[in-house]
Protein backbone atom coordinates (compact mmCIF):
# COMPACT_ATOMS: atom_id res chain seq x y z
CA MET A 1 62.40 34.23 8.24
CA ARG A 2 62.70 37.14 5.84
CA ALA A 3 65.66 38.01 3.63
CA ASP A 4 66.06 41.11 1.50
CA ALA A 5 66.84 40.96 -2.22
CA VAL A 6 70.61 41.20 -1.71
CA ALA A 7 70.67 38.35 0.83
CA SER A 8 68.45 36.07 -1.28
CA PRO A 9 70.01 33.80 -3.90
CA GLY A 10 67.25 34.63 -6.39
CA GLY A 11 67.76 38.38 -6.09
CA ALA A 12 64.25 39.02 -4.75
CA PRO A 13 63.04 39.44 -1.16
CA THR A 14 62.18 36.04 0.30
CA SER A 15 60.06 34.82 3.19
CA LEU A 16 60.53 31.34 4.59
CA ARG A 17 58.16 29.52 6.90
CA GLY A 18 58.47 26.21 8.61
CA ALA A 19 61.11 24.90 10.93
CA ASP A 20 62.98 22.91 8.26
CA ASP A 21 63.31 25.77 5.75
CA VAL A 22 64.27 28.30 8.42
CA ALA A 23 66.84 25.99 10.01
CA ARG A 24 68.42 25.19 6.62
CA GLN A 25 68.71 28.88 5.77
CA ALA A 26 70.22 29.66 9.17
CA LEU A 27 72.83 26.93 8.58
CA LEU A 28 73.69 28.37 5.17
CA PHE A 29 74.13 31.81 6.70
CA GLY A 30 76.30 30.31 9.43
CA ARG A 31 78.55 28.55 6.94
CA ARG A 32 78.88 31.67 4.82
CA ALA A 33 79.68 33.87 7.82
CA GLU A 34 81.61 31.29 9.86
CA SER A 35 84.97 33.02 9.86
CA SER A 36 83.70 36.57 9.95
CA ALA A 37 80.58 36.58 12.14
CA ARG A 38 80.32 38.14 15.54
CA VAL A 39 77.51 38.49 18.03
CA GLY A 40 75.82 41.85 18.39
CA VAL A 41 72.60 43.70 19.07
CA VAL A 42 70.64 45.42 16.30
CA ASP A 43 67.63 47.57 17.17
CA GLY A 44 67.53 45.89 20.59
CA ALA A 45 67.47 42.33 19.14
CA PRO A 46 70.21 39.70 19.35
CA ALA A 47 72.06 39.41 16.04
CA LEU A 48 74.89 37.83 14.09
CA LEU A 49 76.90 40.33 12.08
CA ALA A 50 78.96 39.06 9.15
CA THR A 51 81.82 41.08 7.73
CA SER A 52 84.01 40.81 4.68
CA ARG A 53 87.31 42.70 4.56
CA GLY A 54 86.23 44.67 7.61
CA ARG A 55 82.92 45.77 6.06
CA LEU A 56 79.52 44.70 7.38
CA VAL A 57 77.85 42.61 4.66
CA THR A 58 74.99 40.69 6.32
CA VAL A 59 73.05 40.88 9.55
CA MET A 60 70.80 38.12 10.92
CA THR A 61 68.56 39.29 13.77
CA PHE A 62 66.52 37.08 16.06
CA ALA A 63 63.04 37.81 17.40
CA VAL A 64 62.64 35.41 20.29
CA ALA A 65 59.04 34.95 21.41
CA ASP A 66 59.67 32.65 24.37
CA ALA A 67 63.09 31.07 24.69
CA ILE A 68 65.85 29.36 22.78
CA GLU A 69 66.92 26.11 24.37
CA ILE A 70 70.29 24.49 23.77
CA VAL A 71 70.57 20.85 24.81
CA ALA A 72 73.83 18.90 25.09
CA ASP A 73 73.06 16.54 27.99
CA PRO A 74 73.42 13.01 26.54
CA ARG A 75 70.47 11.74 28.59
CA ARG A 76 68.21 14.44 27.20
CA LEU A 77 69.57 14.02 23.68
CA ALA A 78 68.71 10.31 23.83
CA ARG A 79 65.05 11.29 24.20
CA VAL A 80 65.03 13.73 21.27
CA SER A 81 63.08 12.61 18.27
CA ALA A 82 64.41 14.62 15.36
CA MET A 83 63.81 14.16 11.68
C-alpha cells in the first residue's frame, strides 16, 4: 500500500507491506471516510472516493491480482484461523 504525503499522518509518502499493516491502514481509511465514501473507478481500477463538504479529499484504489473473497457463511467462518 502506498500513500502520498498528504494522506500520510507523518506528512511524507509512505509504503506499507504486510497483510496486518495494510489491513489496519484500510480500516483507518474506512473509518475516516465512513460517512462520505462512495464506490468508483479511477484509471480503470476499483476505488473508494472520500469527500468532505462535496469536495473529493482522498481516493483509495485497488489493484487486484487474483480475486477478493468475502466470506460470511458461518460454516466457512468456523474454519477460519485468523490472528
